[in-house]
N, C-alpha and C. Protein backbone atom coordinates (compact mmCIF):
# COMPACT_ATOMS: atom_id res chain seq x y z
N MET A 1 21.22 32.81 36.44
CA MET A 1 22.27 31.83 36.53
C MET A 1 22.70 31.33 35.14
N ALA A 2 21.75 31.06 34.29
CA ALA A 2 22.08 30.56 32.94
C ALA A 2 22.98 31.54 32.22
N HIS A 3 22.69 32.83 32.38
CA HIS A 3 23.49 33.85 31.69
C HIS A 3 24.96 33.77 32.07
N GLU A 4 25.25 33.60 33.36
CA GLU A 4 26.64 33.56 33.81
C GLU A 4 27.37 32.34 33.26
N ILE A 5 26.70 31.19 33.34
CA ILE A 5 27.30 29.95 32.84
C ILE A 5 27.56 30.05 31.35
N LEU A 6 26.56 30.52 30.62
CA LEU A 6 26.69 30.62 29.16
C LEU A 6 27.72 31.68 28.77
N SER A 7 27.81 32.75 29.54
CA SER A 7 28.81 33.79 29.26
C SER A 7 30.22 33.24 29.39
N VAL A 8 30.45 32.43 30.41
CA VAL A 8 31.77 31.82 30.59
C VAL A 8 32.08 30.91 29.42
N LYS A 9 31.11 30.10 29.01
CA LYS A 9 31.32 29.19 27.88
C LYS A 9 31.58 29.97 26.59
N MET A 10 30.86 31.07 26.40
CA MET A 10 31.08 31.90 25.20
C MET A 10 32.47 32.53 25.22
N TYR A 11 32.92 32.94 26.39
CA TYR A 11 34.27 33.49 26.52
C TYR A 11 35.31 32.43 26.12
N GLU A 12 35.11 31.20 26.62
CA GLU A 12 36.02 30.10 26.27
C GLU A 12 36.01 29.85 24.77
N LEU A 13 34.83 29.88 24.17
CA LEU A 13 34.71 29.67 22.73
C LEU A 13 35.40 30.79 21.96
N ASP A 14 35.20 32.04 22.39
CA ASP A 14 35.86 33.18 21.75
C ASP A 14 37.38 33.01 21.76
N LYS A 15 37.91 32.61 22.90
CA LYS A 15 39.36 32.44 23.03
C LYS A 15 39.86 31.32 22.11
N LYS A 16 39.10 30.21 22.06
CA LYS A 16 39.49 29.11 21.17
C LYS A 16 39.46 29.53 19.70
N LEU A 17 38.43 30.30 19.33
CA LEU A 17 38.33 30.76 17.94
C LEU A 17 39.45 31.74 17.61
N GLU A 18 39.77 32.63 18.53
CA GLU A 18 40.90 33.56 18.31
C GLU A 18 42.20 32.78 18.13
N LEU A 19 42.41 31.78 18.98
CA LEU A 19 43.61 30.97 18.89
C LEU A 19 43.66 30.20 17.57
N ALA A 20 42.53 29.63 17.16
CA ALA A 20 42.48 28.89 15.89
C ALA A 20 42.78 29.80 14.72
N HIS A 21 42.19 30.98 14.72
CA HIS A 21 42.43 31.94 13.65
C HIS A 21 43.91 32.32 13.59
N SER A 22 44.48 32.60 14.73
CA SER A 22 45.88 32.97 14.81
C SER A 22 46.79 31.84 14.34
N ARG A 23 46.48 30.62 14.77
CA ARG A 23 47.32 29.48 14.38
C ARG A 23 47.28 29.24 12.88
N ILE A 24 46.12 29.40 12.27
CA ILE A 24 46.02 29.22 10.82
C ILE A 24 46.85 30.28 10.10
N GLN A 25 46.75 31.54 10.54
CA GLN A 25 47.53 32.61 9.91
C GLN A 25 49.02 32.37 10.06
N VAL A 26 49.47 32.03 11.25
CA VAL A 26 50.89 31.82 11.50
C VAL A 26 51.40 30.60 10.73
N ALA A 27 50.58 29.57 10.60
CA ALA A 27 51.00 28.34 9.92
C ALA A 27 51.37 28.58 8.47
N GLU A 28 50.73 29.57 7.85
CA GLU A 28 51.01 29.88 6.44
C GLU A 28 52.49 30.19 6.21
N SER A 29 53.15 30.78 7.19
CA SER A 29 54.55 31.18 7.00
C SER A 29 55.54 30.33 7.80
N MET A 30 55.08 29.28 8.43
CA MET A 30 55.96 28.42 9.23
C MET A 30 56.82 27.54 8.36
N GLU A 31 58.00 27.23 8.89
CA GLU A 31 58.84 26.24 8.23
C GLU A 31 58.18 24.87 8.38
N GLU A 32 58.48 23.98 7.45
CA GLU A 32 57.81 22.68 7.41
C GLU A 32 57.98 21.91 8.72
N GLU A 33 59.18 21.91 9.28
CA GLU A 33 59.43 21.17 10.52
C GLU A 33 58.62 21.74 11.68
N ARG A 34 58.57 23.06 11.77
CA ARG A 34 57.81 23.71 12.84
C ARG A 34 56.31 23.44 12.67
N LEU A 35 55.83 23.48 11.43
CA LEU A 35 54.42 23.18 11.15
C LEU A 35 54.10 21.74 11.55
N HIS A 36 54.98 20.83 11.22
CA HIS A 36 54.78 19.43 11.58
C HIS A 36 54.69 19.29 13.11
N GLN A 37 55.55 20.00 13.83
CA GLN A 37 55.51 19.94 15.30
C GLN A 37 54.21 20.54 15.83
N GLN A 38 53.74 21.63 15.23
CA GLN A 38 52.47 22.24 15.62
C GLN A 38 51.32 21.25 15.43
N ILE A 39 51.35 20.52 14.33
CA ILE A 39 50.32 19.53 14.05
C ILE A 39 50.34 18.43 15.11
N GLN A 40 51.52 17.95 15.44
CA GLN A 40 51.64 16.91 16.47
C GLN A 40 51.13 17.42 17.82
N ASP A 41 51.51 18.65 18.17
CA ASP A 41 51.06 19.24 19.44
C ASP A 41 49.55 19.38 19.47
N LEU A 42 48.98 19.86 18.37
CA LEU A 42 47.53 20.05 18.30
C LEU A 42 46.80 18.71 18.34
N ARG A 43 47.37 17.70 17.69
CA ARG A 43 46.78 16.36 17.74
C ARG A 43 46.68 15.88 19.19
N GLN A 44 47.75 16.10 19.94
CA GLN A 44 47.77 15.70 21.35
C GLN A 44 46.74 16.51 22.14
N GLU A 45 46.69 17.81 21.90
CA GLU A 45 45.73 18.69 22.57
C GLU A 45 44.29 18.26 22.26
N CYS A 46 44.02 17.94 21.00
CA CYS A 46 42.68 17.50 20.60
C CYS A 46 42.31 16.20 21.30
N GLN A 47 43.25 15.28 21.36
CA GLN A 47 43.00 13.99 22.02
C GLN A 47 42.68 14.21 23.50
N GLU A 48 43.46 15.07 24.15
CA GLU A 48 43.24 15.33 25.58
C GLU A 48 41.90 16.01 25.82
N SER A 49 41.55 17.00 24.99
CA SER A 49 40.28 17.69 25.18
C SER A 49 39.10 16.78 24.85
N ARG A 50 39.29 15.88 23.89
CA ARG A 50 38.23 14.92 23.55
C ARG A 50 37.97 13.97 24.72
N ILE A 51 39.04 13.51 25.33
CA ILE A 51 38.89 12.61 26.49
C ILE A 51 38.23 13.35 27.65
N THR A 52 38.65 14.58 27.89
CA THR A 52 38.05 15.38 28.97
C THR A 52 36.56 15.58 28.72
N LEU A 53 36.21 15.95 27.49
CA LEU A 53 34.80 16.15 27.16
C LEU A 53 34.02 14.86 27.30
N GLN A 54 34.56 13.76 26.80
CA GLN A 54 33.87 12.48 26.92
C GLN A 54 33.63 12.12 28.38
N ASN A 55 34.62 12.33 29.22
CA ASN A 55 34.46 12.03 30.65
C ASN A 55 33.37 12.90 31.26
N ARG A 56 33.37 14.19 30.93
CA ARG A 56 32.34 15.08 31.45
C ARG A 56 30.96 14.67 30.95
N LEU A 57 30.86 14.33 29.68
CA LEU A 57 29.58 13.94 29.11
C LEU A 57 29.06 12.64 29.73
N HIS A 58 29.93 11.68 29.88
CA HIS A 58 29.50 10.38 30.39
C HIS A 58 29.17 10.40 31.88
N HIS A 59 29.59 11.43 32.58
CA HIS A 59 29.28 11.54 34.00
C HIS A 59 28.11 12.49 34.25
N SER A 60 27.50 12.95 33.20
CA SER A 60 26.37 13.85 33.35
C SER A 60 25.16 13.11 33.88
N LYS A 61 24.34 13.83 34.62
CA LYS A 61 23.12 13.24 35.18
C LYS A 61 21.91 13.52 34.30
N THR A 62 22.12 14.20 33.19
CA THR A 62 21.04 14.55 32.29
C THR A 62 20.95 13.52 31.17
N LYS A 63 19.77 12.95 30.97
CA LYS A 63 19.59 11.93 29.93
C LYS A 63 19.95 12.48 28.55
N CYS A 64 19.53 13.68 28.27
CA CYS A 64 19.79 14.29 26.96
C CYS A 64 21.30 14.39 26.71
N VAL A 65 22.05 14.82 27.70
CA VAL A 65 23.50 14.96 27.55
C VAL A 65 24.15 13.60 27.37
N MET A 66 23.64 12.61 28.07
CA MET A 66 24.18 11.25 27.91
C MET A 66 23.94 10.73 26.50
N LYS A 67 22.77 11.02 25.96
CA LYS A 67 22.47 10.62 24.58
C LYS A 67 23.36 11.38 23.60
N LEU A 68 23.57 12.67 23.86
CA LEU A 68 24.46 13.47 23.01
C LEU A 68 25.89 12.92 23.04
N ALA A 69 26.31 12.45 24.21
CA ALA A 69 27.65 11.87 24.33
C ALA A 69 27.79 10.66 23.43
N ASP A 70 26.77 9.82 23.41
CA ASP A 70 26.80 8.64 22.54
C ASP A 70 26.85 9.04 21.07
N VAL A 71 26.06 10.03 20.70
CA VAL A 71 26.04 10.50 19.32
C VAL A 71 27.39 11.14 18.96
N TYR A 72 27.95 11.90 19.89
CA TYR A 72 29.25 12.53 19.67
C TYR A 72 30.30 11.46 19.37
N ASP A 73 30.30 10.38 20.15
CA ASP A 73 31.24 9.28 19.92
C ASP A 73 31.04 8.67 18.54
N GLN A 74 29.78 8.49 18.13
CA GLN A 74 29.48 7.92 16.82
C GLN A 74 29.93 8.84 15.70
N VAL A 75 29.72 10.14 15.88
CA VAL A 75 30.12 11.10 14.85
C VAL A 75 31.64 11.11 14.72
N GLU A 76 32.35 11.14 15.84
CA GLU A 76 33.81 11.11 15.80
C GLU A 76 34.31 9.88 15.04
N ALA A 77 33.74 8.72 15.34
CA ALA A 77 34.15 7.48 14.69
C ALA A 77 33.82 7.52 13.20
N ALA A 78 32.65 8.06 12.86
CA ALA A 78 32.24 8.14 11.45
C ALA A 78 33.15 9.09 10.66
N VAL A 79 33.48 10.23 11.24
CA VAL A 79 34.36 11.19 10.57
C VAL A 79 35.72 10.54 10.31
N GLU A 80 36.27 9.90 11.32
CA GLU A 80 37.56 9.22 11.17
C GLU A 80 37.50 8.17 10.07
N LYS A 81 36.41 7.39 10.04
CA LYS A 81 36.24 6.33 9.04
C LYS A 81 36.18 6.91 7.63
N VAL A 82 35.41 7.98 7.45
CA VAL A 82 35.28 8.60 6.13
C VAL A 82 36.62 9.17 5.67
N LEU A 83 37.30 9.88 6.56
CA LEU A 83 38.58 10.47 6.19
C LEU A 83 39.60 9.41 5.82
N GLU A 84 39.62 8.32 6.56
CA GLU A 84 40.54 7.23 6.23
C GLU A 84 40.17 6.58 4.90
N ALA A 85 38.88 6.39 4.66
CA ALA A 85 38.42 5.78 3.40
C ALA A 85 38.78 6.65 2.20
N GLU A 86 38.78 7.94 2.42
CA GLU A 86 39.09 8.87 1.32
C GLU A 86 40.57 9.26 1.30
N ASN A 87 41.37 8.58 2.09
CA ASN A 87 42.80 8.88 2.19
C ASN A 87 43.08 10.32 2.57
N ILE A 88 42.26 10.85 3.46
CA ILE A 88 42.49 12.18 4.01
C ILE A 88 42.78 11.98 5.50
N ASN A 89 43.57 10.97 5.77
CA ASN A 89 43.84 10.62 7.16
C ASN A 89 44.54 11.78 7.85
N LEU A 90 43.84 12.39 8.78
CA LEU A 90 44.39 13.55 9.48
C LEU A 90 45.54 13.16 10.41
N LYS A 91 45.74 11.88 10.61
CA LYS A 91 46.84 11.44 11.46
C LYS A 91 48.09 11.16 10.64
N ASP A 92 48.02 11.33 9.32
CA ASP A 92 49.16 11.04 8.45
C ASP A 92 49.64 12.34 7.80
N PRO A 93 50.60 13.00 8.42
CA PRO A 93 51.06 14.27 7.88
C PRO A 93 52.12 14.11 6.80
N GLU A 94 52.32 12.93 6.25
CA GLU A 94 53.42 12.66 5.35
C GLU A 94 53.19 13.11 3.91
N GLN A 95 52.08 13.76 3.64
CA GLN A 95 51.87 14.24 2.28
C GLN A 95 52.83 15.38 2.00
N PRO A 96 53.43 15.40 0.82
CA PRO A 96 54.37 16.47 0.51
C PRO A 96 53.66 17.82 0.41
N ILE A 97 54.38 18.85 0.82
CA ILE A 97 53.85 20.21 0.77
C ILE A 97 54.66 20.97 -0.29
N SER A 98 53.97 21.65 -1.18
CA SER A 98 54.67 22.44 -2.18
C SER A 98 53.92 23.74 -2.39
N GLU A 99 54.46 24.60 -3.25
CA GLU A 99 53.84 25.90 -3.50
C GLU A 99 52.50 25.75 -4.21
N SER A 100 52.37 24.77 -5.09
CA SER A 100 51.10 24.58 -5.80
C SER A 100 50.23 23.61 -5.03
N LEU A 101 48.93 23.70 -5.28
CA LEU A 101 48.00 22.79 -4.61
C LEU A 101 48.00 21.45 -5.32
N LEU A 102 48.45 20.44 -4.62
CA LEU A 102 48.39 19.08 -5.14
C LEU A 102 46.97 18.58 -4.94
N PRO A 103 46.54 17.57 -5.69
CA PRO A 103 45.18 17.05 -5.48
C PRO A 103 44.93 16.69 -4.02
N GLY A 104 45.88 16.06 -3.36
CA GLY A 104 45.72 15.70 -1.95
C GLY A 104 45.62 16.93 -1.06
N ALA A 105 46.44 17.94 -1.33
CA ALA A 105 46.41 19.17 -0.54
C ALA A 105 45.10 19.92 -0.78
N GLU A 106 44.67 19.96 -2.03
CA GLU A 106 43.41 20.64 -2.33
C GLU A 106 42.25 19.96 -1.62
N GLU A 107 42.28 18.63 -1.61
CA GLU A 107 41.23 17.88 -0.94
C GLU A 107 41.23 18.16 0.56
N LYS A 108 42.41 18.24 1.16
CA LYS A 108 42.50 18.55 2.59
C LYS A 108 42.00 19.96 2.88
N ILE A 109 42.29 20.89 1.99
CA ILE A 109 41.82 22.26 2.18
C ILE A 109 40.30 22.32 2.12
N LEU A 110 39.70 21.64 1.13
CA LEU A 110 38.24 21.60 1.04
C LEU A 110 37.62 20.91 2.25
N THR A 111 38.26 19.85 2.71
CA THR A 111 37.77 19.16 3.90
C THR A 111 37.83 20.09 5.11
N ALA A 112 38.92 20.83 5.24
CA ALA A 112 39.05 21.79 6.34
C ALA A 112 37.99 22.88 6.25
N GLU A 113 37.72 23.34 5.02
CA GLU A 113 36.69 24.36 4.82
C GLU A 113 35.33 23.86 5.31
N TYR A 114 34.99 22.64 4.94
CA TYR A 114 33.70 22.10 5.37
C TYR A 114 33.68 21.79 6.87
N ALA A 115 34.83 21.39 7.42
CA ALA A 115 34.89 21.18 8.87
C ALA A 115 34.59 22.48 9.60
N LEU A 116 35.07 23.60 9.06
CA LEU A 116 34.75 24.90 9.66
C LEU A 116 33.27 25.24 9.47
N ASP A 117 32.70 24.86 8.34
CA ASP A 117 31.26 25.05 8.14
C ASP A 117 30.46 24.25 9.16
N PHE A 118 30.89 23.01 9.41
CA PHE A 118 30.21 22.19 10.42
C PHE A 118 30.36 22.80 11.80
N ALA A 119 31.53 23.38 12.06
CA ALA A 119 31.74 24.04 13.35
C ALA A 119 30.80 25.23 13.51
N MET A 120 30.59 25.98 12.43
CA MET A 120 29.66 27.12 12.48
C MET A 120 28.24 26.63 12.73
N GLN A 121 27.89 25.50 12.11
CA GLN A 121 26.56 24.93 12.34
C GLN A 121 26.42 24.51 13.80
N ALA A 122 27.48 23.93 14.35
CA ALA A 122 27.46 23.53 15.77
C ALA A 122 27.31 24.76 16.67
N VAL A 123 27.97 25.86 16.32
CA VAL A 123 27.83 27.10 17.10
C VAL A 123 26.40 27.60 17.03
N ASN A 124 25.80 27.56 15.85
CA ASN A 124 24.40 27.99 15.71
C ASN A 124 23.47 27.12 16.54
N ARG A 125 23.72 25.81 16.55
CA ARG A 125 22.91 24.90 17.35
C ARG A 125 23.10 25.21 18.83
N ALA A 126 24.33 25.46 19.24
CA ALA A 126 24.61 25.80 20.65
C ALA A 126 23.92 27.11 21.02
N LEU A 127 23.91 28.06 20.12
CA LEU A 127 23.21 29.33 20.37
C LEU A 127 21.72 29.09 20.56
N LEU A 128 21.13 28.30 19.68
CA LEU A 128 19.71 27.99 19.78
C LEU A 128 19.38 27.32 21.12
N VAL A 129 20.17 26.32 21.50
CA VAL A 129 19.94 25.64 22.77
C VAL A 129 20.13 26.60 23.94
N SER A 130 21.11 27.49 23.85
CA SER A 130 21.35 28.48 24.90
C SER A 130 20.17 29.43 25.06
N LEU A 131 19.67 29.93 23.94
CA LEU A 131 18.53 30.86 24.01
C LEU A 131 17.29 30.15 24.56
N GLU A 132 17.10 28.90 24.17
CA GLU A 132 15.98 28.13 24.70
C GLU A 132 16.13 27.90 26.21
N ALA A 133 17.36 27.70 26.67
CA ALA A 133 17.61 27.51 28.11
C ALA A 133 17.30 28.80 28.88
N ILE A 134 17.70 29.93 28.33
CA ILE A 134 17.41 31.22 28.97
C ILE A 134 15.91 31.44 29.03
N GLU A 135 15.23 31.13 27.92
CA GLU A 135 13.78 31.27 27.89
C GLU A 135 13.12 30.39 28.93
N ALA A 136 13.57 29.13 29.05
CA ALA A 136 13.00 28.21 30.02
C ALA A 136 13.25 28.70 31.45
N GLN A 137 14.44 29.23 31.69
CA GLN A 137 14.73 29.74 33.03
C GLN A 137 13.82 30.92 33.36
N ARG A 138 13.62 31.81 32.41
CA ARG A 138 12.73 32.96 32.64
C ARG A 138 11.30 32.51 32.92
N GLN A 139 10.85 31.51 32.17
CA GLN A 139 9.49 31.00 32.39
C GLN A 139 9.35 30.37 33.77
N GLU A 140 10.38 29.64 34.21
CA GLU A 140 10.36 29.07 35.56
C GLU A 140 10.31 30.16 36.62
N GLU A 141 11.15 31.19 36.44
CA GLU A 141 11.18 32.29 37.40
C GLU A 141 9.84 33.03 37.45
N LYS A 142 9.27 33.21 36.27
CA LYS A 142 7.97 33.89 36.20
C LYS A 142 6.90 33.07 36.91
N LYS A 143 6.93 31.76 36.68
CA LYS A 143 5.96 30.86 37.33
C LYS A 143 6.14 30.89 38.85
N GLU A 144 7.38 30.87 39.32
CA GLU A 144 7.66 30.92 40.76
C GLU A 144 7.19 32.23 41.37
N ASN A 145 7.38 33.32 40.65
CA ASN A 145 6.95 34.64 41.16
C ASN A 145 5.44 34.76 41.23
N GLU A 146 4.75 34.08 40.32
CA GLU A 146 3.29 34.13 40.32
C GLU A 146 2.69 33.29 41.46
N GLU A 147 3.42 32.33 41.93
CA GLU A 147 2.92 31.45 42.99
C GLU A 147 3.07 32.06 44.32
């Protein structure tokens, strides 16, 4: 059972990563107005998916997931606070865009690079938890078969 559930989640993750990769590539050649609209659309999509995830997390019957939900909320708030303090407000697209990297643009690019690094770390953590879940399921099945 764990394999099927995790396979579906991995498929969803693969599709999201493909879409993210494609959007980054296409954005490089977009006109400024179209890029701005893409940013607004993605902001809305992120907000909706965040709310959906929060609702799912807060309605979980697992103590661990409930604790993770609280930590997730704290991390989101902390990230927003840091970005605002450093004037990398992701909600303010009004920074000018030019052919050369401005200090603000360079800072946003580095921030995006590290955000992707954090995402990779999150994927590794999810992989570890997934493998541990499969191992636990196998041990339970083995124990049931021995009884």
